[in-house]
Amino acid sequence: THERTHTGEKPYSCSECGKCFAHKSHLVTHERSHTGERPY
């Protein structure tokens, strides 16, 4: 995960808008902006 800060690699992309993320957890959080889910 750390090495992506050097390579700029963002392997996790949002199927809704195409935005990419370096961390899967960031993608999961982002996807809630589309679904409106608020689990906490």
ModelCIF file with pLDDT and N, C-alpha, C, O atoms, coordinates in Angstrom:
data_MODEL
#
_entry.id   MODEL 
#
_entity.id                         1 
_entity.type                       polymer 
_entity.pdbx_number_of_molecules   1 
#
_entity_poly.entity_id                      1 
_entity_poly.type                           'polypeptide(L)' 
_entity_poly.nstd_linkage                   no 
_entity_poly.nstd_monomer                   no 
_entity_poly.pdbx_seq_one_letter_code       THERTHTGEKPYSCSECGKCFAHKSHLVTHERSHTGERPY 
_entity_poly.pdbx_seq_one_letter_code_can   THERTHTGEKPYSCSECGKCFAHKSHLVTHERSHTGERPY 
_entity_poly.pdbx_strand_id                 A 
#
loop_
_entity_poly_seq.entity_id 
_entity_poly_seq.num 
_entity_poly_seq.mon_id 
_entity_poly_seq.hetero 
1 1  THR n 
1 2  HIS n 
1 3  GLU n 
1 4  ARG n 
1 5  THR n 
1 6  HIS n 
1 7  THR n 
1 8  GLY n 
1 9  GLU n 
1 10 LYS n 
1 11 PRO n 
1 12 TYR n 
1 13 SER n 
1 14 CYS n 
1 15 SER n 
1 16 GLU n 
1 17 CYS n 
1 18 GLY n 
1 19 LYS n 
1 20 CYS n 
1 21 PHE n 
1 22 ALA n 
1 23 HIS n 
1 24 LYS n 
1 25 SER n 
1 26 HIS n 
1 27 LEU n 
1 28 VAL n 
1 29 THR n 
1 30 HIS n 
1 31 GLU n 
1 32 ARG n 
1 33 SER n 
1 34 HIS n 
1 35 THR n 
1 36 GLY n 
1 37 GLU n 
1 38 ARG n 
1 39 PRO n 
1 40 TYR n 
#
_struct_asym.id          A 
_struct_asym.entity_id   1 
#
loop_
_ma_qa_metric.id 
_ma_qa_metric.mode 
_ma_qa_metric.name 
_ma_qa_metric.software_group_id 
_ma_qa_metric.type 
1 global pLDDT . pLDDT 
2 local  pLDDT . pLDDT 
#
_ma_qa_metric_global.metric_id      1 
_ma_qa_metric_global.metric_value   91.15 
_ma_qa_metric_global.model_id       1 
_ma_qa_metric_global.ordinal_id     1 
#
loop_
_ma_qa_metric_local.label_asym_id 
_ma_qa_metric_local.label_comp_id 
_ma_qa_metric_local.label_seq_id 
_ma_qa_metric_local.metric_id 
_ma_qa_metric_local.metric_value 
_ma_qa_metric_local.model_id 
_ma_qa_metric_local.ordinal_id 
A THR 1  2 90.00 1 1  
A HIS 2  2 93.00 1 2  
A GLU 3  2 92.00 1 3  
A ARG 4  2 91.00 1 4  
A THR 5  2 91.00 1 5  
A HIS 6  2 92.00 1 6  
A THR 7  2 91.00 1 7  
A GLY 8  2 90.00 1 8  
A GLU 9  2 91.00 1 9  
A LYS 10 2 90.00 1 10 
A PRO 11 2 89.00 1 11 
A TYR 12 2 90.00 1 12 
A SER 13 2 91.00 1 13 
A CYS 14 2 91.00 1 14 
A SER 15 2 90.00 1 15 
A GLU 16 2 88.00 1 16 
A CYS 17 2 92.00 1 17 
A GLY 18 2 89.00 1 18 
A LYS 19 2 92.00 1 19 
A CYS 20 2 92.00 1 20 
A PHE 21 2 92.00 1 21 
A ALA 22 2 89.00 1 22 
A HIS 23 2 89.00 1 23 
A LYS 24 2 90.00 1 24 
A SER 25 2 89.00 1 25 
A HIS 26 2 91.00 1 26 
A LEU 27 2 93.00 1 27 
A VAL 28 2 92.00 1 28 
A THR 29 2 92.00 1 29 
A HIS 30 2 93.00 1 30 
A GLU 31 2 93.00 1 31 
A ARG 32 2 92.00 1 32 
A SER 33 2 91.00 1 33 
A HIS 34 2 93.00 1 34 
A THR 35 2 92.00 1 35 
A GLY 36 2 91.00 1 36 
A GLU 37 2 92.00 1 37 
A ARG 38 2 92.00 1 38 
A PRO 39 2 92.00 1 39 
A TYR 40 2 93.00 1 40 
#
loop_
_atom_site.group_PDB 
_atom_site.id 
_atom_site.type_symbol 
_atom_site.label_atom_id 
_atom_site.label_alt_id 
_atom_site.label_comp_id 
_atom_site.label_asym_id 
_atom_site.label_entity_id 
_atom_site.label_seq_id 
_atom_site.pdbx_PDB_ins_code 
_atom_site.Cartn_x 
_atom_site.Cartn_y 
_atom_site.Cartn_z 
_atom_site.occupancy 
_atom_site.B_iso_or_equiv 
_atom_site.pdbx_formal_charge 
_atom_site.auth_seq_id 
_atom_site.auth_comp_id 
_atom_site.auth_asym_id 
_atom_site.auth_atom_id 
_atom_site.pdbx_PDB_model_num 
ATOM 1   N N  . THR A 1 1  ? 0.832   -1.207 0.000   1.00 90.00 ? 1  THR A N  1 
ATOM 2   C CA . THR A 1 1  ? 0.000   0.000  0.000   1.00 90.00 ? 1  THR A CA 1 
ATOM 3   C C  . THR A 1 1  ? 0.864   1.253  0.000   1.00 90.00 ? 1  THR A C  1 
ATOM 4   O O  . THR A 1 1  ? 0.573   2.212  -0.715  1.00 90.00 ? 1  THR A O  1 
ATOM 5   N N  . HIS A 1 2  ? 1.934   1.247  0.807   1.00 93.00 ? 2  HIS A N  1 
ATOM 6   C CA . HIS A 1 2  ? 2.836   2.400  0.894   1.00 93.00 ? 2  HIS A CA 1 
ATOM 7   C C  . HIS A 1 2  ? 3.513   2.701  -0.436  1.00 93.00 ? 2  HIS A C  1 
ATOM 8   O O  . HIS A 1 2  ? 3.647   3.863  -0.817  1.00 93.00 ? 2  HIS A O  1 
ATOM 9   N N  . GLU A 1 3  ? 3.941   1.653  -1.144  1.00 92.00 ? 3  GLU A N  1 
ATOM 10  C CA . GLU A 1 3  ? 4.672   1.837  -2.408  1.00 92.00 ? 3  GLU A CA 1 
ATOM 11  C C  . GLU A 1 3  ? 3.859   2.611  -3.449  1.00 92.00 ? 3  GLU A C  1 
ATOM 12  O O  . GLU A 1 3  ? 4.421   3.203  -4.371  1.00 92.00 ? 3  GLU A O  1 
ATOM 13  N N  . ARG A 1 4  ? 2.551   2.602  -3.297  1.00 91.00 ? 4  ARG A N  1 
ATOM 14  C CA . ARG A 1 4  ? 1.691   3.342  -4.229  1.00 91.00 ? 4  ARG A CA 1 
ATOM 15  C C  . ARG A 1 4  ? 1.867   4.850  -4.097  1.00 91.00 ? 4  ARG A C  1 
ATOM 16  O O  . ARG A 1 4  ? 1.519   5.597  -5.011  1.00 91.00 ? 4  ARG A O  1 
ATOM 17  N N  . THR A 1 5  ? 2.410   5.307  -2.956  1.00 91.00 ? 5  THR A N  1 
ATOM 18  C CA . THR A 1 5  ? 2.670   6.741  -2.803  1.00 91.00 ? 5  THR A CA 1 
ATOM 19  C C  . THR A 1 5  ? 3.814   7.165  -3.720  1.00 91.00 ? 5  THR A C  1 
ATOM 20  O O  . THR A 1 5  ? 3.921   8.336  -4.087  1.00 91.00 ? 5  THR A O  1 
ATOM 21  N N  . HIS A 1 6  ? 4.676   6.203  -4.091  1.00 92.00 ? 6  HIS A N  1 
ATOM 22  C CA . HIS A 1 6  ? 5.789   6.484  -5.004  1.00 92.00 ? 6  HIS A CA 1 
ATOM 23  C C  . HIS A 1 6  ? 5.384   6.267  -6.466  1.00 92.00 ? 6  HIS A C  1 
ATOM 24  O O  . HIS A 1 6  ? 5.745   7.056  -7.339  1.00 92.00 ? 6  HIS A O  1 
ATOM 25  N N  . THR A 1 7  ? 4.637   5.198  -6.724  1.00 91.00 ? 7  THR A N  1 
ATOM 26  C CA . THR A 1 7  ? 4.287   4.856  -8.098  1.00 91.00 ? 7  THR A CA 1 
ATOM 27  C C  . THR A 1 7  ? 3.059   5.610  -8.604  1.00 91.00 ? 7  THR A C  1 
ATOM 28  O O  . THR A 1 7  ? 2.870   5.775  -9.809  1.00 91.00 ? 7  THR A O  1 
ATOM 29  N N  . GLY A 1 8  ? 2.230   6.063  -7.666  1.00 90.00 ? 8  GLY A N  1 
ATOM 30  C CA . GLY A 1 8  ? 1.001   6.743  -8.071  1.00 90.00 ? 8  GLY A CA 1 
ATOM 31  C C  . GLY A 1 8  ? -0.086  5.766  -8.514  1.00 90.00 ? 8  GLY A C  1 
ATOM 32  O O  . GLY A 1 8  ? -1.135  6.179  -9.008  1.00 90.00 ? 8  GLY A O  1 
ATOM 33  N N  . GLU A 1 9  ? 0.170   4.470  -8.334  1.00 91.00 ? 9  GLU A N  1 
ATOM 34  C CA . GLU A 1 9  ? -0.788  3.450  -8.749  1.00 91.00 ? 9  GLU A CA 1 
ATOM 35  C C  . GLU A 1 9  ? -2.071  3.532  -7.924  1.00 91.00 ? 9  GLU A C  1 
ATOM 36  O O  . GLU A 1 9  ? -2.029  3.657  -6.700  1.00 91.00 ? 9  GLU A O  1 
ATOM 37  N N  . LYS A 1 10 ? -3.203  3.460  -8.609  1.00 90.00 ? 10 LYS A N  1 
ATOM 38  C CA . LYS A 1 10 ? -4.515  3.494  -7.956  1.00 90.00 ? 10 LYS A CA 1 
ATOM 39  C C  . LYS A 1 10 ? -5.365  2.365  -8.549  1.00 90.00 ? 10 LYS A C  1 
ATOM 40  O O  . LYS A 1 10 ? -6.143  2.589  -9.477  1.00 90.00 ? 10 LYS A O  1 
ATOM 41  N N  . PRO A 1 11 ? -5.212  1.140  -8.005  1.00 89.00 ? 11 PRO A N  1 
ATOM 42  C CA . PRO A 1 11 ? -5.853  -0.024 -8.622  1.00 89.00 ? 11 PRO A CA 1 
ATOM 43  C C  . PRO A 1 11 ? -7.345  -0.190 -8.351  1.00 89.00 ? 11 PRO A C  1 
ATOM 44  O O  . PRO A 1 11 ? -7.990  -1.040 -8.965  1.00 89.00 ? 11 PRO A O  1 
ATOM 45  N N  . TYR A 1 12 ? -7.905  0.613  -7.438  1.00 90.00 ? 12 TYR A N  1 
ATOM 46  C CA . TYR A 1 12 ? -9.317  0.454  -7.090  1.00 90.00 ? 12 TYR A CA 1 
ATOM 47  C C  . TYR A 1 12 ? -10.147 1.578  -7.707  1.00 90.00 ? 12 TYR A C  1 
ATOM 48  O O  . TYR A 1 12 ? -10.013 2.741  -7.328  1.00 90.00 ? 12 TYR A O  1 
ATOM 49  N N  . SER A 1 13 ? -11.005 1.216  -8.664  1.00 91.00 ? 13 SER A N  1 
ATOM 50  C CA . SER A 1 13 ? -11.799 2.222  -9.367  1.00 91.00 ? 13 SER A CA 1 
ATOM 51  C C  . SER A 1 13 ? -13.288 2.074  -9.080  1.00 91.00 ? 13 SER A C  1 
ATOM 52  O O  . SER A 1 13 ? -13.796 0.966  -8.910  1.00 91.00 ? 13 SER A O  1 
ATOM 53  N N  . CYS A 1 14 ? -13.972 3.201  -9.029  1.00 91.00 ? 14 CYS A N  1 
ATOM 54  C CA . CYS A 1 14 ? -15.408 3.236  -8.765  1.00 91.00 ? 14 CYS A CA 1 
ATOM 55  C C  . CYS A 1 14 ? -16.173 2.877  -10.036 1.00 91.00 ? 14 CYS A C  1 
ATOM 56  O O  . CYS A 1 14 ? -15.974 3.504  -11.076 1.00 91.00 ? 14 CYS A O  1 
ATOM 57  N N  . SER A 1 15 ? -17.036 1.884  -9.960  1.00 90.00 ? 15 SER A N  1 
ATOM 58  C CA . SER A 1 15 ? -17.810 1.443  -11.121 1.00 90.00 ? 15 SER A CA 1 
ATOM 59  C C  . SER A 1 15 ? -18.853 2.476  -11.520 1.00 90.00 ? 15 SER A C  1 
ATOM 60  O O  . SER A 1 15 ? -19.375 2.440  -12.634 1.00 90.00 ? 15 SER A O  1 
ATOM 61  N N  . GLU A 1 16 ? -19.156 3.398  -10.607 1.00 88.00 ? 16 GLU A N  1 
ATOM 62  C CA . GLU A 1 16 ? -20.185 4.401  -10.876 1.00 88.00 ? 16 GLU A CA 1 
ATOM 63  C C  . GLU A 1 16 ? -19.638 5.608  -11.640 1.00 88.00 ? 16 GLU A C  1 
ATOM 64  O O  . GLU A 1 16 ? -20.241 6.057  -12.615 1.00 88.00 ? 16 GLU A O  1 
ATOM 65  N N  . CYS A 1 17 ? -18.476 6.136  -11.187 1.00 92.00 ? 17 CYS A N  1 
ATOM 66  C CA . CYS A 1 17 ? -17.951 7.364  -11.805 1.00 92.00 ? 17 CYS A CA 1 
ATOM 67  C C  . CYS A 1 17 ? -16.531 7.228  -12.343 1.00 92.00 ? 17 CYS A C  1 
ATOM 68  O O  . CYS A 1 17 ? -16.024 8.150  -12.983 1.00 92.00 ? 17 CYS A O  1 
ATOM 69  N N  . GLY A 1 18 ? -15.870 6.071  -12.089 1.00 89.00 ? 18 GLY A N  1 
ATOM 70  C CA . GLY A 1 18 ? -14.538 5.842  -12.632 1.00 89.00 ? 18 GLY A CA 1 
ATOM 71  C C  . GLY A 1 18 ? -13.390 6.393  -11.809 1.00 89.00 ? 18 GLY A C  1 
ATOM 72  O O  . GLY A 1 18 ? -12.229 6.189  -12.165 1.00 89.00 ? 18 GLY A O  1 
ATOM 73  N N  . LYS A 1 19 ? -13.685 7.091  -10.712 1.00 92.00 ? 19 LYS A N  1 
ATOM 74  C CA . LYS A 1 19 ? -12.626 7.646  -9.870  1.00 92.00 ? 19 LYS A CA 1 
ATOM 75  C C  . LYS A 1 19 ? -11.801 6.505  -9.277  1.00 92.00 ? 19 LYS A C  1 
ATOM 76  O O  . LYS A 1 19 ? -12.343 5.475  -8.875  1.00 92.00 ? 19 LYS A O  1 
ATOM 77  N N  . CYS A 1 20 ? -10.458 6.708  -9.227  1.00 92.00 ? 20 CYS A N  1 
ATOM 78  C CA . CYS A 1 20 ? -9.558  5.637  -8.765  1.00 92.00 ? 20 CYS A CA 1 
ATOM 79  C C  . CYS A 1 20 ? -8.938  5.960  -7.411  1.00 92.00 ? 20 CYS A C  1 
ATOM 80  O O  . CYS A 1 20 ? -8.775  7.123  -7.043  1.00 92.00 ? 20 CYS A O  1 
ATOM 81  N N  . PHE A 1 21 ? -8.596  4.899  -6.678  1.00 92.00 ? 21 PHE A N  1 
ATOM 82  C CA . PHE A 1 21 ? -8.054  5.042  -5.330  1.00 92.00 ? 21 PHE A CA 1 
ATOM 83  C C  . PHE A 1 21 ? -6.899  4.065  -5.107  1.00 92.00 ? 21 PHE A C  1 
ATOM 84  O O  . PHE A 1 21 ? -6.848  2.981  -5.687  1.00 92.00 ? 21 PHE A O  1 
ATOM 85  N N  . ALA A 1 22 ? -5.974  4.492  -4.244  1.00 89.00 ? 22 ALA A N  1 
ATOM 86  C CA . ALA A 1 22 ? -4.824  3.647  -3.910  1.00 89.00 ? 22 ALA A CA 1 
ATOM 87  C C  . ALA A 1 22 ? -5.197  2.597  -2.861  1.00 89.00 ? 22 ALA A C  1 
ATOM 88  O O  . ALA A 1 22 ? -4.588  1.529  -2.801  1.00 89.00 ? 22 ALA A O  1 
ATOM 89  N N  . HIS A 1 23 ? -6.202  2.907  -2.035  1.00 89.00 ? 23 HIS A N  1 
ATOM 90  C CA . HIS A 1 23 ? -6.622  2.003  -0.962  1.00 89.00 ? 23 HIS A CA 1 
ATOM 91  C C  . HIS A 1 23 ? -8.058  1.539  -1.181  1.00 89.00 ? 23 HIS A C  1 
ATOM 92  O O  . HIS A 1 23 ? -8.925  2.328  -1.558  1.00 89.00 ? 23 HIS A O  1 
ATOM 93  N N  . LYS A 1 24 ? -8.297  0.267  -0.944  1.00 90.00 ? 24 LYS A N  1 
ATOM 94  C CA . LYS A 1 24 ? -9.646  -0.275 -1.121  1.00 90.00 ? 24 LYS A CA 1 
ATOM 95  C C  . LYS A 1 24 ? -10.627 0.364  -0.150  1.00 90.00 ? 24 LYS A C  1 
ATOM 96  O O  . LYS A 1 24 ? -11.781 0.605  -0.502  1.00 90.00 ? 24 LYS A O  1 
ATOM 97  N N  . SER A 1 25 ? -10.174 0.642  1.074   1.00 89.00 ? 25 SER A N  1 
ATOM 98  C CA . SER A 1 25 ? -11.046 1.250  2.076   1.00 89.00 ? 25 SER A CA 1 
ATOM 99  C C  . SER A 1 25 ? -11.529 2.625  1.632   1.00 89.00 ? 25 SER A C  1 
ATOM 100 O O  . SER A 1 25 ? -12.658 3.019  1.927   1.00 89.00 ? 25 SER A O  1 
ATOM 101 N N  . HIS A 1 26 ? -10.658 3.367  0.910   1.00 91.00 ? 26 HIS A N  1 
ATOM 102 C CA . HIS A 1 26 ? -11.045 4.685  0.403   1.00 91.00 ? 26 HIS A CA 1 
ATOM 103 C C  . HIS A 1 26 ? -12.120 4.553  -0.682  1.00 91.00 ? 26 HIS A C  1 
ATOM 104 O O  . HIS A 1 26 ? -13.026 5.381  -0.771  1.00 91.00 ? 26 HIS A O  1 
ATOM 105 N N  . LEU A 1 27 ? -12.009 3.502  -1.507  1.00 93.00 ? 27 LEU A N  1 
ATOM 106 C CA . LEU A 1 27 ? -13.019 3.246  -2.528  1.00 93.00 ? 27 LEU A CA 1 
ATOM 107 C C  . LEU A 1 27 ? -14.364 2.933  -1.882  1.00 93.00 ? 27 LEU A C  1 
ATOM 108 O O  . LEU A 1 27 ? -15.400 3.457  -2.290  1.00 93.00 ? 27 LEU A O  1 
ATOM 109 N N  . VAL A 1 28 ? -14.331 2.064  -0.857  1.00 92.00 ? 28 VAL A N  1 
ATOM 110 C CA . VAL A 1 28 ? -15.566 1.672  -0.158  1.00 92.00 ? 28 VAL A CA 1 
ATOM 111 C C  . VAL A 1 28 ? -16.263 2.899  0.427   1.00 92.00 ? 28 VAL A C  1 
ATOM 112 O O  . VAL A 1 28 ? -17.480 3.046  0.316   1.00 92.00 ? 28 VAL A O  1 
ATOM 113 N N  . THR A 1 29 ? -15.465 3.790  1.057   1.00 92.00 ? 29 THR A N  1 
ATOM 114 C CA . THR A 1 29 ? -16.033 5.023  1.625   1.00 92.00 ? 29 THR A CA 1 
ATOM 115 C C  . THR A 1 29 ? -16.604 5.911  0.527   1.00 92.00 ? 29 THR A C  1 
ATOM 116 O O  . THR A 1 29 ? -17.692 6.467  0.675   1.00 92.00 ? 29 THR A O  1 
ATOM 117 N N  . HIS A 1 30 ? -15.863 6.045  -0.585  1.00 93.00 ? 30 HIS A N  1 
ATOM 118 C CA . HIS A 1 30 ? -16.306 6.879  -1.698  1.00 93.00 ? 30 HIS A CA 1 
ATOM 119 C C  . HIS A 1 30 ? -17.628 6.389  -2.290  1.00 93.00 ? 30 HIS A C  1 
ATOM 120 O O  . HIS A 1 30 ? -18.511 7.191  -2.593  1.00 93.00 ? 30 HIS A O  1 
ATOM 121 N N  . GLU A 1 31 ? -17.761 5.084  -2.451  1.00 93.00 ? 31 GLU A N  1 
ATOM 122 C CA . GLU A 1 31 ? -18.962 4.507  -3.065  1.00 93.00 ? 31 GLU A CA 1 
ATOM 123 C C  . GLU A 1 31 ? -20.233 4.867  -2.308  1.00 93.00 ? 31 GLU A C  1 
ATOM 124 O O  . GLU A 1 31 ? -21.326 4.869  -2.873  1.00 93.00 ? 31 GLU A O  1 
ATOM 125 N N  . ARG A 1 32 ? -20.076 5.172  -1.021  1.00 92.00 ? 32 ARG A N  1 
ATOM 126 C CA . ARG A 1 32 ? -21.248 5.562  -0.213  1.00 92.00 ? 32 ARG A CA 1 
ATOM 127 C C  . ARG A 1 32 ? -21.809 6.922  -0.643  1.00 92.00 ? 32 ARG A C  1 
ATOM 128 O O  . ARG A 1 32 ? -22.959 7.245  -0.346  1.00 92.00 ? 32 ARG A O  1 
ATOM 129 N N  . SER A 1 33 ? -20.979 7.726  -1.351  1.00 91.00 ? 33 SER A N  1 
ATOM 130 C CA . SER A 1 33 ? -21.468 9.007  -1.851  1.00 91.00 ? 33 SER A CA 1 
ATOM 131 C C  . SER A 1 33 ? -22.471 8.780  -2.980  1.00 91.00 ? 33 SER A C  1 
ATOM 132 O O  . SER A 1 33 ? -23.281 9.657  -3.283  1.00 91.00 ? 33 SER A O  1 
ATOM 133 N N  . HIS A 1 34 ? -22.414 7.591  -3.605  1.00 93.00 ? 34 HIS A N  1 
ATOM 134 C CA . HIS A 1 34 ? -23.360 7.239  -4.667  1.00 93.00 ? 34 HIS A CA 1 
ATOM 135 C C  . HIS A 1 34 ? -24.583 6.507  -4.097  1.00 93.00 ? 34 HIS A C  1 
ATOM 136 O O  . HIS A 1 34 ? -25.715 6.750  -4.515  1.00 93.00 ? 34 HIS A O  1 
ATOM 137 N N  . THR A 1 35 ? -24.338 5.616  -3.144  1.00 92.00 ? 35 THR A N  1 
ATOM 138 C CA . THR A 1 35 ? -25.421 4.792  -2.598  1.00 92.00 ? 35 THR A CA 1 
ATOM 139 C C  . THR A 1 35 ? -26.187 5.499  -1.484  1.00 92.00 ? 35 THR A C  1 
ATOM 140 O O  . THR A 1 35 ? -27.335 5.158  -1.200  1.00 92.00 ? 35 THR A O  1 
ATOM 141 N N  . GLY A 1 36 ? -25.534 6.503  -0.842  1.00 91.00 ? 36 GLY A N  1 
ATOM 142 C CA . GLY A 1 36 ? -26.179 7.205  0.274   1.00 91.00 ? 36 GLY A CA 1 
ATOM 143 C C  . GLY A 1 36 ? -26.108 6.417  1.571   1.00 91.00 ? 36 GLY A C  1 
ATOM 144 O O  . GLY A 1 36 ? -26.707 6.809  2.572   1.00 91.00 ? 36 GLY A O  1 
ATOM 145 N N  . GLU A 1 37 ? -25.373 5.299  1.557   1.00 92.00 ? 37 GLU A N  1 
ATOM 146 C CA . GLU A 1 37 ? -25.263 4.452  2.751   1.00 92.00 ? 37 GLU A CA 1 
ATOM 147 C C  . GLU A 1 37 ? -24.499 5.166  3.864   1.00 92.00 ? 37 GLU A C  1 
ATOM 148 O O  . GLU A 1 37 ? -23.455 5.774  3.626   1.00 92.00 ? 37 GLU A O  1 
ATOM 149 N N  . ARG A 1 38 ? -25.040 5.082  5.094   1.00 92.00 ? 38 ARG A N  1 
ATOM 150 C CA . ARG A 1 38 ? -24.386 5.647  6.280   1.00 92.00 ? 38 ARG A CA 1 
ATOM 151 C C  . ARG A 1 38 ? -24.432 4.580  7.382   1.00 92.00 ? 38 ARG A C  1 
ATOM 152 O O  . ARG A 1 38 ? -25.328 4.590  8.226   1.00 92.00 ? 38 ARG A O  1 
ATOM 153 N N  . PRO A 1 39 ? -23.457 3.656  7.365   1.00 92.00 ? 39 PRO A N  1 
ATOM 154 C CA . PRO A 1 39 ? -23.536 2.487  8.253   1.00 92.00 ? 39 PRO A CA 1 
ATOM 155 C C  . PRO A 1 39 ? -23.200 2.743  9.723   1.00 92.00 ? 39 PRO A C  1 
ATOM 156 O O  . PRO A 1 39 ? -23.449 1.886  10.571  1.00 92.00 ? 39 PRO A O  1 
ATOM 157 N N  . TYR A 1 40 ? -22.631 3.927  10.034  1.00 93.00 ? 40 TYR A N  1 
ATOM 158 C CA . TYR A 1 40 ? -22.224 4.198  11.413  1.00 93.00 ? 40 TYR A CA 1 
ATOM 159 C C  . TYR A 1 40 ? -23.181 5.204  12.055  1.00 93.00 ? 40 TYR A C  1 
ATOM 160 O O  . TYR A 1 40 ? -23.008 5.564  13.219  1.00 93.00 ? 40 TYR A O  1 
#
